[in-house]
Amino acid sequence: MVRTPVTLYVRIANQELTIGADTVAVNDHGAMLLCSRTLPEGTRMEIQNDSTRERLPCRVTRTPRDTPEGCLIPIEFDTPSPGFWHISFPPPNWKPVD
């Protein structure tokens, strides 16, 4: 679980919107976002990692879920991007020590 501020750049009804959000969880393929507004499944956008100003194209993968803190929005990058979050993830065969 990682809280990182992000900015979403999305076009809805022929309007360019800039929306602030925070990550709740991240991985090489995308993230779960916490946002003040919902975005429909399939919405295409660019996500910016506000710490680095890097941007990637992505899409909403499932219907967002409303929570008391805001909308949880699952997004997936167009292509896996291991370095986007600047976090070292454990290798797939990693196992904790008993």
N, C-alpha and C. Protein backbone atom coordinates (compact mmCIF):
# COMPACT_ATOMS: atom_id res chain seq x y z
N MET A 1 0.85 -1.17 0.00
CA MET A 1 0.00 0.00 0.00
C MET A 1 0.89 1.24 0.00
N VAL A 2 0.67 2.08 -0.98
CA VAL A 2 1.51 3.26 -1.16
C VAL A 2 0.64 4.46 -1.49
N ARG A 3 0.78 5.52 -0.73
CA ARG A 3 0.06 6.77 -1.03
C ARG A 3 1.00 7.70 -1.78
N THR A 4 0.69 7.91 -3.04
CA THR A 4 1.47 8.80 -3.89
C THR A 4 0.49 9.73 -4.60
N PRO A 5 0.73 11.04 -4.57
CA PRO A 5 -0.15 11.94 -5.32
C PRO A 5 0.06 11.77 -6.83
N VAL A 6 -1.06 11.76 -7.55
CA VAL A 6 -1.03 11.65 -9.00
C VAL A 6 -1.99 12.67 -9.59
N THR A 7 -1.80 12.97 -10.86
CA THR A 7 -2.72 13.81 -11.61
C THR A 7 -3.21 13.02 -12.80
N LEU A 8 -4.51 13.07 -13.03
CA LEU A 8 -5.13 12.38 -14.17
C LEU A 8 -5.50 13.41 -15.22
N TYR A 9 -5.15 13.11 -16.45
CA TYR A 9 -5.50 13.95 -17.59
C TYR A 9 -6.46 13.15 -18.46
N VAL A 10 -7.71 13.59 -18.49
CA VAL A 10 -8.75 12.80 -19.15
C VAL A 10 -9.64 13.72 -19.98
N ARG A 11 -10.17 13.16 -21.06
CA ARG A 11 -11.10 13.90 -21.92
C ARG A 11 -12.48 13.27 -21.75
N ILE A 12 -13.44 14.05 -21.26
CA ILE A 12 -14.81 13.59 -21.07
C ILE A 12 -15.75 14.60 -21.71
N ALA A 13 -16.63 14.12 -22.57
CA ALA A 13 -17.60 14.98 -23.28
C ALA A 13 -16.89 16.16 -23.95
N ASN A 14 -15.81 15.86 -24.66
CA ASN A 14 -15.04 16.86 -25.39
C ASN A 14 -14.44 17.95 -24.50
N GLN A 15 -14.26 17.66 -23.23
CA GLN A 15 -13.59 18.59 -22.32
C GLN A 15 -12.36 17.93 -21.73
N GLU A 16 -11.26 18.66 -21.71
CA GLU A 16 -10.04 18.19 -21.07
C GLU A 16 -10.15 18.47 -19.58
N LEU A 17 -10.04 17.42 -18.77
CA LEU A 17 -10.10 17.57 -17.32
C LEU A 17 -8.77 17.19 -16.68
N THR A 18 -8.41 17.88 -15.64
CA THR A 18 -7.25 17.56 -14.83
C THR A 18 -7.78 17.25 -13.44
N ILE A 19 -7.53 16.03 -12.97
CA ILE A 19 -8.10 15.56 -11.71
C ILE A 19 -6.98 15.08 -10.80
N GLY A 20 -6.97 15.55 -9.58
CA GLY A 20 -6.01 15.09 -8.59
C GLY A 20 -6.51 13.83 -7.91
N ALA A 21 -5.60 12.93 -7.57
CA ALA A 21 -5.95 11.69 -6.89
C ALA A 21 -4.72 11.22 -6.11
N ASP A 22 -4.89 10.15 -5.35
CA ASP A 22 -3.80 9.51 -4.63
C ASP A 22 -3.86 8.02 -4.91
N THR A 23 -2.70 7.39 -4.95
CA THR A 23 -2.69 5.93 -5.07
C THR A 23 -2.99 5.32 -3.71
N VAL A 24 -3.61 4.15 -3.74
CA VAL A 24 -3.83 3.36 -2.54
C VAL A 24 -2.91 2.15 -2.58
N ALA A 25 -2.72 1.62 -3.78
CA ALA A 25 -1.82 0.49 -4.02
C ALA A 25 -1.26 0.67 -5.43
N VAL A 26 -0.01 0.22 -5.62
CA VAL A 26 0.63 0.34 -6.94
C VAL A 26 1.31 -0.97 -7.29
N ASN A 27 1.51 -1.18 -8.60
CA ASN A 27 2.32 -2.30 -9.09
C ASN A 27 2.84 -1.94 -10.47
N ASP A 28 3.56 -2.86 -11.09
CA ASP A 28 4.15 -2.61 -12.41
C ASP A 28 3.11 -2.41 -13.50
N HIS A 29 1.87 -2.82 -13.26
CA HIS A 29 0.82 -2.79 -14.28
C HIS A 29 -0.16 -1.65 -14.10
N GLY A 30 -0.13 -0.95 -12.95
CA GLY A 30 -1.07 0.12 -12.73
C GLY A 30 -1.20 0.47 -11.26
N ALA A 31 -2.45 0.77 -10.85
CA ALA A 31 -2.66 1.20 -9.46
C ALA A 31 -4.14 1.18 -9.12
N MET A 32 -4.40 1.27 -7.82
CA MET A 32 -5.74 1.56 -7.32
C MET A 32 -5.67 3.01 -6.84
N LEU A 33 -6.57 3.84 -7.35
CA LEU A 33 -6.56 5.26 -7.03
C LEU A 33 -7.72 5.62 -6.10
N LEU A 34 -7.50 6.62 -5.27
CA LEU A 34 -8.54 7.22 -4.46
C LEU A 34 -8.76 8.61 -5.01
N CYS A 35 -10.00 8.88 -5.46
CA CYS A 35 -10.30 10.12 -6.17
C CYS A 35 -11.61 10.70 -5.66
N SER A 36 -11.76 12.00 -5.76
CA SER A 36 -12.98 12.66 -5.29
C SER A 36 -14.15 12.47 -6.25
N ARG A 37 -13.88 12.00 -7.46
CA ARG A 37 -14.96 11.75 -8.44
C ARG A 37 -14.75 10.40 -9.09
N THR A 38 -15.80 9.88 -9.66
CA THR A 38 -15.72 8.58 -10.32
C THR A 38 -15.43 8.77 -11.81
N LEU A 39 -14.89 7.74 -12.42
CA LEU A 39 -14.67 7.69 -13.86
C LEU A 39 -15.18 6.36 -14.35
N PRO A 40 -15.92 6.34 -15.45
CA PRO A 40 -16.50 5.08 -15.93
C PRO A 40 -15.45 4.05 -16.36
N GLU A 41 -15.80 2.79 -16.23
CA GLU A 41 -14.96 1.70 -16.72
C GLU A 41 -14.63 1.94 -18.18
N GLY A 42 -13.38 1.71 -18.55
CA GLY A 42 -12.95 1.90 -19.93
C GLY A 42 -12.43 3.29 -20.24
N THR A 43 -12.58 4.24 -19.32
CA THR A 43 -12.10 5.60 -19.56
C THR A 43 -10.60 5.59 -19.80
N ARG A 44 -10.18 6.22 -20.90
CA ARG A 44 -8.76 6.33 -21.24
C ARG A 44 -8.26 7.68 -20.72
N MET A 45 -7.01 7.69 -20.28
CA MET A 45 -6.42 8.91 -19.73
C MET A 45 -4.92 8.79 -19.68
N GLU A 46 -4.27 9.84 -19.21
CA GLU A 46 -2.86 9.79 -18.85
C GLU A 46 -2.78 10.01 -17.36
N ILE A 47 -1.89 9.25 -16.71
CA ILE A 47 -1.64 9.44 -15.29
C ILE A 47 -0.24 10.02 -15.14
N GLN A 48 -0.13 10.99 -14.24
CA GLN A 48 1.17 11.59 -13.95
C GLN A 48 1.56 11.28 -12.51
N ASN A 49 2.75 10.75 -12.33
CA ASN A 49 3.32 10.57 -11.01
C ASN A 49 3.81 11.96 -10.60
N ASP A 50 3.13 12.58 -9.63
CA ASP A 50 3.45 13.97 -9.29
C ASP A 50 4.85 14.12 -8.68
N SER A 51 5.41 13.06 -8.15
CA SER A 51 6.77 13.12 -7.59
C SER A 51 7.83 13.27 -8.66
N THR A 52 7.59 12.67 -9.83
CA THR A 52 8.58 12.67 -10.91
C THR A 52 8.13 13.42 -12.16
N ARG A 53 6.85 13.74 -12.25
CA ARG A 53 6.23 14.38 -13.42
C ARG A 53 6.18 13.46 -14.64
N GLU A 54 6.49 12.18 -14.47
CA GLU A 54 6.38 11.22 -15.57
C GLU A 54 4.91 10.94 -15.84
N ARG A 55 4.57 10.71 -17.11
CA ARG A 55 3.20 10.40 -17.52
C ARG A 55 3.16 9.10 -18.30
N LEU A 56 2.03 8.39 -18.13
CA LEU A 56 1.79 7.17 -18.90
C LEU A 56 0.32 7.10 -19.30
N PRO A 57 0.04 6.54 -20.48
CA PRO A 57 -1.36 6.29 -20.84
C PRO A 57 -1.89 5.09 -20.07
N CYS A 58 -3.16 5.16 -19.72
CA CYS A 58 -3.78 4.07 -18.96
C CYS A 58 -5.29 4.10 -19.17
N ARG A 59 -5.98 3.14 -18.51
CA ARG A 59 -7.44 3.08 -18.61
C ARG A 59 -8.01 2.55 -17.29
N VAL A 60 -9.27 2.88 -17.06
CA VAL A 60 -10.00 2.35 -15.91
C VAL A 60 -10.42 0.93 -16.26
N THR A 61 -10.07 -0.05 -15.42
CA THR A 61 -10.29 -1.45 -15.77
C THR A 61 -11.61 -2.03 -15.29
N ARG A 62 -12.16 -1.47 -14.21
CA ARG A 62 -13.44 -1.96 -13.66
C ARG A 62 -14.25 -0.78 -13.16
N THR A 63 -15.50 -1.03 -12.86
CA THR A 63 -16.36 0.01 -12.31
C THR A 63 -15.79 0.46 -10.96
N PRO A 64 -15.56 1.76 -10.78
CA PRO A 64 -15.07 2.25 -9.50
C PRO A 64 -16.05 1.97 -8.36
N ARG A 65 -15.50 1.92 -7.15
CA ARG A 65 -16.31 1.66 -5.96
C ARG A 65 -16.30 2.89 -5.06
N ASP A 66 -17.49 3.31 -4.63
CA ASP A 66 -17.60 4.44 -3.71
C ASP A 66 -17.26 4.00 -2.30
N THR A 67 -16.49 4.84 -1.60
CA THR A 67 -16.16 4.61 -0.20
C THR A 67 -16.36 5.93 0.54
N PRO A 68 -16.37 5.92 1.86
CA PRO A 68 -16.50 7.19 2.60
C PRO A 68 -15.36 8.18 2.29
N GLU A 69 -14.18 7.68 1.91
CA GLU A 69 -13.04 8.56 1.61
C GLU A 69 -13.05 9.08 0.17
N GLY A 70 -13.81 8.45 -0.72
CA GLY A 70 -13.84 8.83 -2.12
C GLY A 70 -14.05 7.60 -2.99
N CYS A 71 -13.82 7.74 -4.27
CA CYS A 71 -14.00 6.63 -5.22
C CYS A 71 -12.69 5.88 -5.38
N LEU A 72 -12.76 4.56 -5.30
CA LEU A 72 -11.61 3.70 -5.59
C LEU A 72 -11.67 3.32 -7.07
N ILE A 73 -10.64 3.72 -7.80
CA ILE A 73 -10.62 3.53 -9.25
C ILE A 73 -9.42 2.67 -9.63
N PRO A 74 -9.67 1.46 -10.18
CA PRO A 74 -8.56 0.62 -10.63
C PRO A 74 -8.12 1.02 -12.04
N ILE A 75 -6.83 1.28 -12.19
CA ILE A 75 -6.31 1.64 -13.52
C ILE A 75 -5.20 0.68 -13.92
N GLU A 76 -5.05 0.54 -15.24
CA GLU A 76 -3.99 -0.31 -15.80
C GLU A 76 -3.25 0.49 -16.86
N PHE A 77 -1.91 0.44 -16.81
CA PHE A 77 -1.10 1.08 -17.84
C PHE A 77 -1.30 0.35 -19.17
N ASP A 78 -1.08 1.07 -20.28
CA ASP A 78 -1.16 0.43 -21.60
C ASP A 78 -0.11 -0.67 -21.73
N THR A 79 1.06 -0.47 -21.16
CA THR A 79 2.11 -1.49 -21.14
C THR A 79 2.72 -1.51 -19.74
N PRO A 80 3.13 -2.68 -19.23
CA PRO A 80 3.75 -2.73 -17.91
C PRO A 80 4.92 -1.73 -17.84
N SER A 81 5.01 -1.05 -16.72
CA SER A 81 6.03 0.00 -16.54
C SER A 81 6.69 -0.13 -15.18
N PRO A 82 7.65 -1.05 -15.05
CA PRO A 82 8.26 -1.33 -13.75
C PRO A 82 8.89 -0.12 -13.06
N GLY A 83 9.40 0.85 -13.79
CA GLY A 83 10.08 1.97 -13.15
C GLY A 83 9.21 3.17 -12.84
N PHE A 84 7.94 3.15 -13.22
CA PHE A 84 7.09 4.34 -13.10
C PHE A 84 6.94 4.84 -11.66
N TRP A 85 6.80 3.94 -10.72
CA TRP A 85 6.58 4.33 -9.31
C TRP A 85 7.89 4.54 -8.57
N HIS A 86 9.02 4.17 -9.17
CA HIS A 86 10.33 4.30 -8.52
C HIS A 86 10.35 3.55 -7.19
N ILE A 87 9.82 2.33 -7.24
CA ILE A 87 9.79 1.42 -6.09
C ILE A 87 10.38 0.10 -6.55
N SER A 88 11.18 -0.52 -5.70
CA SER A 88 11.71 -1.85 -6.02
C SER A 88 10.75 -2.90 -5.50
N PHE A 89 10.11 -3.61 -6.41
CA PHE A 89 9.19 -4.68 -6.04
C PHE A 89 9.98 -5.97 -5.89
N PRO A 90 9.57 -6.87 -4.98
CA PRO A 90 10.27 -8.15 -4.88
C PRO A 90 10.09 -8.97 -6.15
N PRO A 91 11.06 -9.85 -6.46
CA PRO A 91 10.91 -10.70 -7.65
C PRO A 91 9.73 -11.65 -7.49
N PRO A 92 9.17 -12.15 -8.60
CA PRO A 92 7.99 -13.02 -8.54
C PRO A 92 8.19 -14.28 -7.69
N ASN A 93 9.42 -14.76 -7.61
CA ASN A 93 9.66 -16.01 -6.85
C ASN A 93 10.06 -15.74 -5.40
N TRP A 94 9.93 -14.51 -4.94
CA TRP A 94 10.30 -14.14 -3.58
C TRP A 94 9.35 -14.78 -2.58
N LYS A 95 9.92 -15.30 -1.49
CA LYS A 95 9.12 -15.89 -0.40
C LYS A 95 9.67 -15.36 0.92
N PRO A 96 8.78 -14.98 1.85
CA PRO A 96 9.28 -14.51 3.15
C PRO A 96 9.95 -15.64 3.92
N VAL A 97 10.87 -15.26 4.78
CA VAL A 97 11.54 -16.24 5.63
C VAL A 97 10.58 -16.63 6.74
N ASP A 98 10.50 -17.94 7.01
CA ASP A 98 9.60 -18.41 8.08
C ASP A 98 10.16 -18.13 9.45
